Amino acid sequence: MRTLSRPQEQPLQWGWLRAVRDDVPRDSLDLLRLVVGETGYSPDLFTSAASWDLTPADEIERLRQAPLEPISVDMRKRAVRSAGVARAALERMAADPARIRAMIVHHVEALWEAALAPYWAQIERILHADIGSRVRRMTADGLAGMAADLGERVEWSADTVRVRIEQHEEIVDCQGRGLVLVPSFFGRHCAVLTEPPAQPTLFYPALGVSEVWHRADSADALAGLLGESRAAVLVALGASLSTTETAGEAGIAASTASHHLDALRAAGLIASRRAGRRVLHARTPLGDALVHRV
């Protein structure tokens, strides 16, 4: 939403912005611009606690089930940071959280379908590639080495992580819970989530976001390199899947999928592990890098 509202600050997203701007529902953008704000504090309502298998549908469902009192708190926080007509509208929203929750869910779904759903597979690949890259960096250079390029506003020391935030100051004791790191596809700077009960979380700009990311079609590019069916198998394995599930995702027979899985495993592009009676397959960091780079 903030990228759509302030495109001049996001040159790497200009291609995507040109592609989606005519399809974005104006009423949804206007409502979410008011609720989220263009800069500074963003309501905690929109910041789901991170988990590896969280899907967009899960996140929208969380919005639908969000407790009402925190929504009122969020709207009041936004109100005191606003003025005039916007402030009055946010104060009315704070007084009727059930209504504003329903409105937010409706407009988030509309904006998702128009602006993000068509590009989600590529966005997810870039996010997973970032995580794979940082895991490899951590293995080679340690935690501090991995964190060195999270962002210019982050300083990592033995017992403290400092994040420079323009409009907020707070000391957070992680109390042994650790710090969750989450790559952000649209974020230009680091941001934090500190509101209990969420685990302290640091959002940082993801690696690999280029000005042409929206045009990348990894499946088509890989097909020229690996063949259509084998490329489809590799693209499908962003998450762990059985042979039968892989075949279903790639639209091929299980026996054909098994053949391609063998070849991809031999090339080091996927790894397989037994889970009970099933064998699950997933891309290796090398496989992630290939899917992302082509």
C-alpha atoms as a PDB file:
ATOM      1  CA  MET A   1       0.000   0.000   0.000  1.00  0.00           C
ATOM      2  CA  ARG A   2       2.806   2.419   0.880  1.00  0.00           C
ATOM      3  CA  THR A   3       4.592   1.617  -2.380  1.00  0.00           C
ATOM      4  CA  LEU A   4       1.407   2.364  -4.306  1.00  0.00           C
ATOM      5  CA  SER A   5       0.965   5.613  -2.373  1.00  0.00           C
ATOM      6  CA  ARG A   6       4.576   6.844  -2.628  1.00  0.00           C
ATOM      7  CA  PRO A   7       5.980   5.378  -5.852  1.00  0.00           C
ATOM      8  CA  GLN A   8       8.721   7.996  -6.107  1.00  0.00           C
ATOM      9  CA  GLU A   9      10.472   6.300  -3.172  1.00  0.00           C
ATOM     10  CA  GLN A  10      10.484   2.818  -4.745  1.00  0.00           C
ATOM     11  CA  PRO A  11      12.253   2.888  -8.138  1.00  0.00           C
ATOM     12  CA  LEU A  12      12.818  -0.887  -8.074  1.00  0.00           C
ATOM     13  CA  GLN A  13       9.036  -1.307  -8.021  1.00  0.00           C
ATOM     14  CA  TRP A  14       8.198   1.020 -10.909  1.00  0.00           C
ATOM     15  CA  GLY A  15       7.764  -1.811 -13.412  1.00  0.00           C
ATOM     16  CA  TRP A  16       5.348  -3.593 -11.069  1.00  0.00           C
ATOM     17  CA  LEU A  17       3.548  -0.316 -10.356  1.00  0.00           C
ATOM     18  CA  ARG A  18       3.014   0.330 -14.065  1.00  0.00           C
ATOM     19  CA  ALA A  19       1.699  -3.216 -14.483  1.00  0.00           C
ATOM     20  CA  VAL A  20      -0.886  -3.026 -11.676  1.00  0.00           C
ATOM     21  CA  ARG A  21      -1.886   0.617 -11.330  1.00  0.00           C
ATOM     22  CA  ASP A  22      -4.915   0.407 -13.632  1.00  0.00           C
ATOM     23  CA  ASP A  23      -6.235  -2.673 -11.801  1.00  0.00           C
ATOM     24  CA  VAL A  24      -5.902  -1.432  -8.220  1.00  0.00           C
ATOM     25  CA  PRO A  25      -9.355  -0.684  -6.750  1.00  0.00           C
ATOM     26  CA  ARG A  26      -9.283   2.979  -5.780  1.00  0.00           C
ATOM     27  CA  ASP A  27     -11.670   2.641  -2.835  1.00  0.00           C
ATOM     28  CA  SER A  28      -9.521  -0.116  -1.333  1.00  0.00           C
ATOM     29  CA  LEU A  29      -6.364   1.935  -1.725  1.00  0.00           C
ATOM     30  CA  ASP A  30      -7.994   4.994  -0.159  1.00  0.00           C
ATOM     31  CA  LEU A  31      -9.282   3.082   2.875  1.00  0.00           C
ATOM     32  CA  LEU A  32      -6.004   1.274   3.507  1.00  0.00           C
ATOM     33  CA  ARG A  33      -3.969   4.447   2.973  1.00  0.00           C
ATOM     34  CA  LEU A  34      -5.973   6.019   5.784  1.00  0.00           C
ATOM     35  CA  VAL A  35      -5.733   3.012   8.104  1.00  0.00           C
ATOM     36  CA  VAL A  36      -2.081   2.119   7.471  1.00  0.00           C
ATOM     37  CA  GLY A  37      -0.659   5.588   6.885  1.00  0.00           C
ATOM     38  CA  GLU A  38       1.958   6.461   4.291  1.00  0.00           C
ATOM     39  CA  THR A  39       4.905   6.613   6.715  1.00  0.00           C
ATOM     40  CA  GLY A  40       5.790   5.882  10.320  1.00  0.00           C
ATOM     41  CA  TYR A  41       3.692   3.710  12.601  1.00  0.00           C
ATOM     42  CA  SER A  42       1.764   0.916  10.908  1.00  0.00           C
ATOM     43  CA  PRO A  43      -1.027  -0.826  12.845  1.00  0.00           C
ATOM     44  CA  ASP A  44       0.059  -4.083  14.466  1.00  0.00           C
ATOM     45  CA  LEU A  45      -3.138  -5.568  13.042  1.00  0.00           C
ATOM     46  CA  PHE A  46      -1.354  -5.969   9.693  1.00  0.00           C
ATOM     47  CA  THR A  47       1.805  -7.537  11.091  1.00  0.00           C
ATOM     48  CA  SER A  48       1.103 -11.212  11.628  1.00  0.00           C
ATOM     49  CA  ALA A  49       3.577 -13.124  13.765  1.00  0.00           C
ATOM     50  CA  ALA A  50       5.877 -14.780  11.251  1.00  0.00           C
ATOM     51  CA  SER A  51       5.812 -18.514  10.615  1.00  0.00           C
ATOM     52  CA  TRP A  52       7.389 -20.528   7.830  1.00  0.00           C
ATOM     53  CA  ASP A  53       4.141 -21.971   6.443  1.00  0.00           C
ATOM     54  CA  LEU A  54       1.962 -18.849   6.732  1.00  0.00           C
ATOM     55  CA  THR A  55       0.026 -18.359   3.483  1.00  0.00           C
ATOM     56  CA  PRO A  56      -1.732 -15.232   2.198  1.00  0.00           C
ATOM     57  CA  ALA A  57      -5.072 -16.954   2.837  1.00  0.00           C
ATOM     58  CA  ASP A  58      -4.000 -17.674   6.424  1.00  0.00           C
ATOM     59  CA  GLU A  59      -3.025 -14.062   6.925  1.00  0.00           C
ATOM     60  CA  ILE A  60      -6.359 -12.762   5.644  1.00  0.00           C
ATOM     61  CA  GLU A  61      -8.135 -15.228   7.930  1.00  0.00           C
ATOM     62  CA  ARG A  62      -6.127 -13.867  10.863  1.00  0.00           C
ATOM     63  CA  LEU A  63      -7.380 -10.410   9.967  1.00  0.00           C
ATOM     64  CA  ARG A  64     -10.939 -11.740   9.872  1.00  0.00           C
ATOM     65  CA  GLN A  65     -10.558 -13.209  13.382  1.00  0.00           C
ATOM     66  CA  ALA A  66      -8.484 -10.369  14.880  1.00  0.00           C
ATOM     67  CA  PRO A  67      -9.557  -9.316  18.425  1.00  0.00           C
ATOM     68  CA  LEU A  68     -11.548  -6.096  18.423  1.00  0.00           C
ATOM     69  CA  GLU A  69      -9.958  -4.174  21.311  1.00  0.00           C
ATOM     70  CA  PRO A  70      -6.441  -4.113  19.783  1.00  0.00           C
ATOM     71  CA  ILE A  71      -8.009  -2.799  16.565  1.00  0.00           C
ATOM     72  CA  SER A  72      -9.434   0.135  18.526  1.00  0.00           C
ATOM     73  CA  VAL A  73      -5.989   0.725  20.031  1.00  0.00           C
ATOM     74  CA  ASP A  74      -4.405   0.655  16.562  1.00  0.00           C
ATOM     75  CA  MET A  75      -6.920   3.140  15.182  1.00  0.00           C
ATOM     76  CA  ARG A  76      -6.380   5.495  18.136  1.00  0.00           C
ATOM     77  CA  LYS A  77      -2.602   5.320  17.600  1.00  0.00           C
ATOM     78  CA  ARG A  78      -3.113   6.227  13.961  1.00  0.00           C
ATOM     79  CA  ALA A  79      -5.533   9.004  14.921  1.00  0.00           C
ATOM     80  CA  VAL A  80      -3.043  10.810  17.172  1.00  0.00           C
ATOM     81  CA  ARG A  81      -0.549  10.690  14.308  1.00  0.00           C
ATOM     82  CA  SER A  82      -3.069  12.259  11.910  1.00  0.00           C
ATOM     83  CA  ALA A  83      -4.915  15.556  11.640  1.00  0.00           C
ATOM     84  CA  GLY A  84      -8.144  17.063  10.358  1.00  0.00           C
ATOM     85  CA  VAL A  85     -10.582  14.879   8.453  1.00  0.00           C
ATOM     86  CA  ALA A  86      -8.303  11.851   8.617  1.00  0.00           C
ATOM     87  CA  ARG A  87      -8.043  12.060  12.393  1.00  0.00           C
ATOM     88  CA  ALA A  88     -11.804  12.327  12.799  1.00  0.00           C
ATOM     89  CA  ALA A  89     -12.368   9.320  10.522  1.00  0.00           C
ATOM     90  CA  LEU A  90      -9.852   7.196  12.461  1.00  0.00           C
ATOM     91  CA  GLU A  91     -11.471   8.137  15.764  1.00  0.00           C
ATOM     92  CA  ARG A  92     -14.833   6.965  14.409  1.00  0.00           C
ATOM     93  CA  MET A  93     -13.202   3.717  13.340  1.00  0.00           C
ATOM     94  CA  ALA A  94     -11.750   3.209  16.821  1.00  0.00           C
ATOM     95  CA  ALA A  95     -15.261   3.469  18.236  1.00  0.00           C
ATOM     96  CA  ASP A  96     -16.623   0.727  15.932  1.00  0.00           C
ATOM     97  CA  PRO A  97     -13.880  -1.939  15.566  1.00  0.00           C
ATOM     98  CA  ALA A  98     -16.205  -4.692  14.322  1.00  0.00           C
ATOM     99  CA  ARG A  99     -17.260  -2.597  11.338  1.00  0.00           C
ATOM    100  CA  ILE A 100     -13.751  -1.445  10.469  1.00  0.00           C
ATOM    101  CA  ARG A 101     -12.411  -5.011  10.766  1.00  0.00           C
ATOM    102  CA  ALA A 102     -14.930  -6.212   8.188  1.00  0.00           C
ATOM    103  CA  MET A 103     -14.075  -3.271   5.908  1.00  0.00           C
ATOM    104  CA  ILE A 104     -10.334  -3.904   6.233  1.00  0.00           C
ATOM    105  CA  VAL A 105     -10.693  -7.591   5.365  1.00  0.00           C
ATOM    106  CA  HIS A 106     -12.784  -6.743   2.288  1.00  0.00           C
ATOM    107  CA  HIS A 107     -10.319  -4.157   0.991  1.00  0.00           C
ATOM    108  CA  VAL A 108      -7.206  -6.195   1.801  1.00  0.00           C
ATOM    109  CA  GLU A 109      -8.649  -9.103  -0.209  1.00  0.00           C
ATOM    110  CA  ALA A 110      -9.454  -6.779  -3.107  1.00  0.00           C
ATOM    111  CA  LEU A 111      -5.979  -5.226  -3.114  1.00  0.00           C
ATOM    112  CA  TRP A 112      -4.336  -8.637  -2.803  1.00  0.00           C
ATOM    113  CA  GLU A 113      -6.204 -10.047  -5.804  1.00  0.00           C
ATOM    114  CA  ALA A 114      -5.464  -7.038  -7.999  1.00  0.00           C
ATOM    115  CA  ALA A 115      -1.875  -6.210  -7.091  1.00  0.00           C
ATOM    116  CA  LEU A 116      -0.144  -9.193  -5.494  1.00  0.00           C
ATOM    117  CA  ALA A 117      -1.796 -12.521  -6.273  1.00  0.00           C
ATOM    118  CA  PRO A 118      -0.639 -12.543  -9.942  1.00  0.00           C
ATOM    119  CA  TYR A 119       2.971 -12.065  -8.773  1.00  0.00           C
ATOM    120  CA  TRP A 120       2.981 -14.064  -5.550  1.00  0.00           C
ATOM    121  CA  ALA A 121       4.889 -17.087  -6.880  1.00  0.00           C
ATOM    122  CA  GLN A 122       7.817 -14.891  -7.944  1.00  0.00           C
ATOM    123  CA  ILE A 123       7.727 -12.848  -4.725  1.00  0.00           C
ATOM    124  CA  GLU A 124       7.771 -16.023  -2.658  1.00  0.00           C
ATOM    125  CA  ARG A 125      10.722 -17.402  -4.643  1.00  0.00           C
ATOM    126  CA  ILE A 126      12.732 -14.240  -3.981  1.00  0.00           C
ATOM    127  CA  LEU A 127      11.925 -14.347  -0.266  1.00  0.00           C
ATOM    128  CA  HIS A 128      12.941 -18.003  -0.007  1.00  0.00           C
ATOM    129  CA  ALA A 129      16.137 -17.301  -1.940  1.00  0.00           C
ATOM    130  CA  ASP A 130      16.985 -14.528   0.533  1.00  0.00           C
ATOM    131  CA  ILE A 131      16.527 -16.899   3.458  1.00  0.00           C
ATOM    132  CA  GLY A 132      18.664 -19.553   1.774  1.00  0.00           C
ATOM    133  CA  SER A 133      21.401 -17.026   1.065  1.00  0.00           C
ATOM    134  CA  ARG A 134      21.478 -15.819   4.656  1.00  0.00           C
ATOM    135  CA  VAL A 135      21.550 -19.344   6.053  1.00  0.00           C
ATOM    136  CA  ARG A 136      24.605 -20.058   3.879  1.00  0.00           C
ATOM    137  CA  ARG A 137      26.213 -16.788   4.994  1.00  0.00           C
ATOM    138  CA  MET A 138      25.565 -17.643   8.638  1.00  0.00           C
ATOM    139  CA  THR A 139      27.153 -21.056   8.166  1.00  0.00           C
ATOM    140  CA  ALA A 140      30.265 -19.522   6.606  1.00  0.00           C
ATOM    141  CA  ASP A 141      30.650 -16.255   8.550  1.00  0.00           C
ATOM    142  CA  GLY A 142      28.609 -16.690  11.714  1.00  0.00           C
ATOM    143  CA  LEU A 143      25.548 -14.824  12.907  1.00  0.00           C
ATOM    144  CA  ALA A 144      27.240 -11.410  12.973  1.00  0.00           C
ATOM    145  CA  GLY A 145      28.501 -11.902   9.424  1.00  0.00           C
ATOM    146  CA  MET A 146      25.034 -12.794   8.198  1.00  0.00           C
ATOM    147  CA  ALA A 147      23.541  -9.758   9.954  1.00  0.00           C
ATOM    148  CA  ALA A 148      26.141  -7.337   8.632  1.00  0.00           C
ATOM    149  CA  ASP A 149      24.103  -6.502   5.533  1.00  0.00           C
ATOM    150  CA  LEU A 150      20.577  -6.640   6.935  1.00  0.00           C
ATOM    151  CA  GLY A 151      20.420  -2.872   6.519  1.00  0.00           C
ATOM    152  CA  GLU A 152      22.380   0.287   7.174  1.00  0.00           C
ATOM    153  CA  ARG A 153      20.188   1.021  10.188  1.00  0.00           C
ATOM    154  CA  VAL A 154      21.021  -2.241  11.971  1.00  0.00           C
ATOM    155  CA  GLU A 155      23.971  -2.721  14.328  1.00  0.00           C
ATOM    156  CA  TRP A 156      24.607  -6.233  15.676  1.00  0.00           C
ATOM    157  CA  SER A 157      26.806  -6.818  18.740  1.00  0.00           C
ATOM    158  CA  ALA A 158      27.351  -9.572  21.297  1.00  0.00           C
ATOM    159  CA  ASP A 159      24.253  -8.891  23.383  1.00  0.00           C
ATOM    160  CA  THR A 160      22.387  -6.104  21.605  1.00  0.00           C
ATOM    161  CA  VAL A 161      20.759  -5.421  18.259  1.00  0.00           C
ATOM    162  CA  ARG A 162      20.254  -1.726  17.556  1.00  0.00           C
ATOM    163  CA  VAL A 163      17.790  -0.616  14.896  1.00  0.00           C
ATOM    164  CA  ARG A 164      17.498   3.088  14.093  1.00  0.00           C
ATOM    165  CA  ILE A 165      13.839   4.045  13.733  1.00  0.00           C
ATOM    166  CA  GLU A 166      12.892   7.593  12.758  1.00  0.00           C
ATOM    167  CA  GLN A 167       9.763   8.100  14.834  1.00  0.00           C
ATOM    168  CA  HIS A 168      10.019   5.628  17.687  1.00  0.00           C
ATOM    169  CA  GLU A 169      12.388   4.794  20.547  1.00  0.00           C
ATOM    170  CA  GLU A 170      12.168   1.693  22.726  1.00  0.00           C
ATOM    171  CA  ILE A 171      14.373  -0.785  24.578  1.00  0.00           C
ATOM    172  CA  VAL A 172      13.149  -4.361  24.154  1.00  0.00           C
ATOM    173  CA  ASP A 173      14.284  -7.241  26.356  1.00  0.00           C
ATOM    174  CA  CYS A 174      13.875 -10.417  24.287  1.00  0.00           C
ATOM    175  CA  GLN A 175      13.856 -12.394  27.584  1.00  0.00           C
ATOM    176  CA  GLY A 176      15.412 -15.455  25.991  1.00  0.00           C
ATOM    177  CA  ARG A 177      12.748 -15.701  23.286  1.00  0.00           C
ATOM    178  CA  GLY A 178      15.176 -14.764  20.539  1.00  0.00           C
ATOM    179  CA  LEU A 179      14.731 -12.402  17.605  1.00  0.00           C
ATOM    180  CA  VAL A 180      12.834 -13.430  14.465  1.00  0.00           C
ATOM    181  CA  LEU A 181      14.255 -12.174  11.143  1.00  0.00           C
ATOM    182  CA  VAL A 182      11.783 -11.705   8.282  1.00  0.00           C
ATOM    183  CA  PRO A 183      12.671 -10.586   4.731  1.00  0.00           C
ATOM    184  CA  SER A 184      10.402  -7.846   3.420  1.00  0.00           C
ATOM    185  CA  PHE A 185       9.778  -7.631  -0.312  1.00  0.00           C
ATOM    186  CA  PHE A 186       8.540  -4.030  -0.419  1.00  0.00           C
ATOM    187  CA  GLY A 187      10.304  -2.585   2.619  1.00  0.00           C
ATOM    188  CA  ARG A 188      13.150  -0.178   1.846  1.00  0.00           C
ATOM    189  CA  HIS A 189      14.276   0.070   5.463  1.00  0.00           C
ATOM    190  CA  CYS A 190      14.243  -2.155   8.507  1.00  0.00           C
ATOM    191  CA  ALA A 191      11.191  -2.206  10.758  1.00  0.00           C
ATOM    192  CA  VAL A 192      10.424  -3.929  14.044  1.00  0.00           C
ATOM    193  CA  LEU A 193       7.537  -5.671  15.785  1.00  0.00           C
ATOM    194  CA  THR A 194       7.781  -5.456  19.561  1.00  0.00           C
ATOM    195  CA  GLU A 195       4.191  -5.494  20.773  1.00  0.00           C
ATOM    196  CA  PRO A 196       3.465  -8.530  23.022  1.00  0.00           C
ATOM    197  CA  PRO A 197       2.481 -11.304  22.683  1.00  0.00           C
ATOM    198  CA  ALA A 198       4.361 -11.394  19.363  1.00  0.00           C
ATOM    199  CA  GLN A 199       7.979 -12.514  19.501  1.00  0.00           C
ATOM    200  CA  PRO A 200      10.352  -9.587  18.825  1.00  0.00           C
ATOM    201  CA  THR A 201      10.741  -9.419  15.050  1.00  0.00           C
ATOM    202  CA  LEU A 202      13.058  -7.528  12.717  1.00  0.00           C
ATOM    203  CA  PHE A 203      11.863  -6.994   9.134  1.00  0.00           C
ATOM    204  CA  TYR A 204      14.621  -6.212   6.633  1.00  0.00           C
ATOM    205  CA  PRO A 205      14.760  -5.539   2.867  1.00  0.00           C
ATOM    206  CA  ALA A 206      15.023  -8.812   0.934  1.00  0.00           C
ATOM    207  CA  LEU A 207      17.948  -9.467  -1.373  1.00  0.00           C
ATOM    208  CA  GLY A 208      17.372  -9.910  -5.101  1.00  0.00           C
ATOM    209  CA  VAL A 209      14.590  -7.356  -5.721  1.00  0.00           C
ATOM    210  CA  SER A 210      15.457  -5.783  -9.080  1.00  0.00           C
ATOM    211  CA  GLU A 211      13.621  -3.362 -11.345  1.00  0.00           C
ATOM    212  CA  VAL A 212      12.508  -6.236 -13.611  1.00  0.00           C
ATOM    213  CA  TRP A 213      11.430  -8.733 -10.965  1.00  0.00           C
ATOM    214  CA  HIS A 214       7.779  -8.521 -12.032  1.00  0.00           C
ATOM    215  CA  ARG A 215       8.650  -9.774 -15.530  1.00  0.00           C
ATOM    216  CA  ALA A 216      10.566 -12.805 -14.322  1.00  0.00           C
ATOM    217  CA  ASP A 217       8.865 -16.095 -15.137  1.00  0.00           C
ATOM    218  CA  SER A 218      11.146 -18.729 -13.682  1.00  0.00           C
ATOM    219  CA  ALA A 219       9.152 -21.644 -15.044  1.00  0.00           C
ATOM    220  CA  ASP A 220       9.414 -20.405 -18.638  1.00  0.00           C
ATOM    221  CA  ALA A 221      13.099 -19.542 -18.319  1.00  0.00           C
ATOM    222  CA  LEU A 222      13.914 -22.847 -16.658  1.00  0.00           C
ATOM    223  CA  ALA A 223      11.993 -24.758 -19.307  1.00  0.00           C
ATOM    224  CA  GLY A 224      14.531 -23.652 -21.893  1.00  0.00           C
ATOM    225  CA  LEU A 225      17.314 -24.942 -19.654  1.00  0.00           C
ATOM    226  CA  LEU A 226      15.872 -28.106 -18.113  1.00  0.00           C
ATOM    227  CA  GLY A 227      12.814 -28.930 -20.193  1.00  0.00           C
ATOM    228  CA  GLU A 228       9.232 -28.010 -19.356  1.00  0.00           C
ATOM    229  CA  SER A 229       8.322 -30.893 -17.026  1.00  0.00           C
ATOM    230  CA  ARG A 230      11.598 -30.917 -15.080  1.00  0.00           C
ATOM    231  CA  ALA A 231      11.429 -27.143 -14.670  1.00  0.00           C
ATOM    232  CA  ALA A 232       7.860 -27.434 -13.371  1.00  0.00           C
ATOM    233  CA  VAL A 233       9.020 -29.983 -10.796  1.00  0.00           C
ATOM    234  CA  LEU A 234      11.845 -27.747  -9.584  1.00  0.00           C
ATOM    235  CA  VAL A 235       9.599 -24.678  -9.345  1.00  0.00           C
ATOM    236  CA  ALA A 236       6.963 -26.677  -7.418  1.00  0.00           C
ATOM    237  CA  LEU A 237       9.449 -27.677  -4.717  1.00  0.00           C
ATOM    238  CA  GLY A 238       9.635 -24.348  -2.913  1.00  0.00           C
ATOM    239  CA  ALA A 239       7.975 -26.309  -0.094  1.00  0.00           C
ATOM    240  CA  SER A 240       8.455 -29.950   0.890  1.00  0.00           C
ATOM    241  CA  LEU A 241       6.262 -32.236  -1.219  1.00  0.00           C
ATOM    242  CA  SER A 242       5.906 -35.962  -1.699  1.00  0.00           C
ATOM    243  CA  THR A 243       6.398 -37.486  -5.142  1.00  0.00           C
ATOM    244  CA  THR A 244       2.625 -37.684  -5.676  1.00  0.00           C
ATOM    245  CA  GLU A 245       2.126 -34.078  -4.554  1.00  0.00           C
ATOM    246  CA  THR A 246       4.969 -32.937  -6.776  1.00  0.00           C
ATOM    247  CA  ALA A 247       3.394 -34.720  -9.731  1.00  0.00           C
ATOM    248  CA  GLY A 248       0.084 -32.998  -9.014  1.00  0.00           C
ATOM    249  CA  GLU A 249       1.682 -29.553  -8.783  1.00  0.00           C
ATOM    250  CA  ALA A 250       3.641 -30.103 -12.013  1.00  0.00           C
ATOM    251  CA  GLY A 251       0.701 -31.693 -13.848  1.00  0.00           C
ATOM    252  CA  ILE A 252       2.554 -34.892 -14.735  1.00  0.00           C
ATOM    253  CA  ALA A 253       2.361 -38.597 -13.866  1.00  0.00           C
ATOM    254  CA  ALA A 254       3.938 -39.753 -10.610  1.00  0.00           C
ATOM    255  CA  SER A 255       6.334 -42.056 -12.483  1.00  0.00           C
ATOM    256  CA  THR A 256       7.501 -39.125 -14.630  1.00  0.00           C
ATOM    257  CA  ALA A 257       7.884 -36.946 -11.545  1.00  0.00           C
ATOM    258  CA  SER A 258       9.990 -39.652  -9.887  1.00  0.00           C
ATOM    259  CA  HIS A 259      12.317 -39.709 -12.901  1.00  0.00           C
ATOM    260  CA  HIS A 260      12.765 -35.928 -12.837  1.00  0.00           C
ATOM    261  CA  LEU A 261      13.266 -35.929  -9.063  1.00  0.00           C
ATOM    262  CA  ASP A 262      16.089 -38.433  -9.439  1.00  0.00           C
ATOM    263  CA  ALA A 263      17.799 -36.214 -12.014  1.00  0.00           C
ATOM    264  CA  LEU A 264      17.363 -33.041  -9.970  1.00  0.00           C
ATOM    265  CA  ARG A 265      18.671 -34.783  -6.847  1.00  0.00           C
ATOM    266  CA  ALA A 266      21.739 -36.024  -8.712  1.00  0.00           C
ATOM    267  CA  ALA A 267      22.429 -32.432  -9.820  1.00  0.00           C
ATOM    268  CA  GLY A 268      22.193 -31.179  -6.234  1.00  0.00           C
ATOM    269  CA  LEU A 269      19.135 -29.047  -6.959  1.00  0.00           C
ATOM    270  CA  ILE A 270      16.794 -30.859  -4.555  1.00  0.00           C
ATOM    271  CA  ALA A 271      17.163 -32.932  -1.402  1.00  0.00           C
ATOM    272  CA  SER A 272      14.913 -35.735  -0.211  1.00  0.00           C
ATOM    273  CA  ARG A 273      14.188 -36.991   3.295  1.00  0.00           C
ATOM    274  CA  ARG A 274      11.947 -39.634   4.788  1.00  0.00           C
ATOM    275  CA  ALA A 275       9.042 -38.502   6.973  1.00  0.00           C
ATOM    276  CA  GLY A 276       7.256 -41.579   8.287  1.00  0.00           C
ATOM    277  CA  ARG A 277       6.038 -43.519   5.271  1.00  0.00           C
ATOM    278  CA  ARG A 278       6.539 -40.639   2.885  1.00  0.00           C
ATOM    279  CA  VAL A 279       9.604 -39.244   1.157  1.00  0.00           C
ATOM    280  CA  LEU A 280       9.541 -35.455   0.955  1.00  0.00           C
ATOM    281  CA  HIS A 281      11.460 -33.423  -1.604  1.00  0.00           C
ATOM    282  CA  ALA A 282      12.462 -29.743  -1.468  1.00  0.00           C
ATOM    283  CA  ARG A 283      14.850 -27.449  -3.302  1.00  0.00           C
ATOM    284  CA  THR A 284      18.375 -27.043  -1.979  1.00  0.00           C
ATOM    285  CA  PRO A 285      19.947 -23.566  -1.740  1.00  0.00           C
ATOM    286  CA  LEU A 286      21.482 -24.260  -5.172  1.00  0.00           C
ATOM    287  CA  GLY A 287      18.044 -25.109  -6.536  1.00  0.00           C
ATOM    288  CA  ASP A 288      16.592 -21.952  -4.979  1.00  0.00           C
ATOM    289  CA  ALA A 289      19.369 -19.893  -6.526  1.00  0.00           C
ATOM    290  CA  LEU A 290      18.714 -21.374  -9.969  1.00  0.00           C
ATOM    291  CA  VAL A 291      14.958 -20.779  -9.780  1.00  0.00           C
ATOM    292  CA  HIS A 292      15.515 -17.232  -8.614  1.00  0.00           C
ATOM    293  CA  ARG A 293      18.315 -16.280 -11.003  1.00  0.00           C
ATOM    294  CA  VAL A 294      16.977 -17.438 -14.344  1.00  0.00           C
END
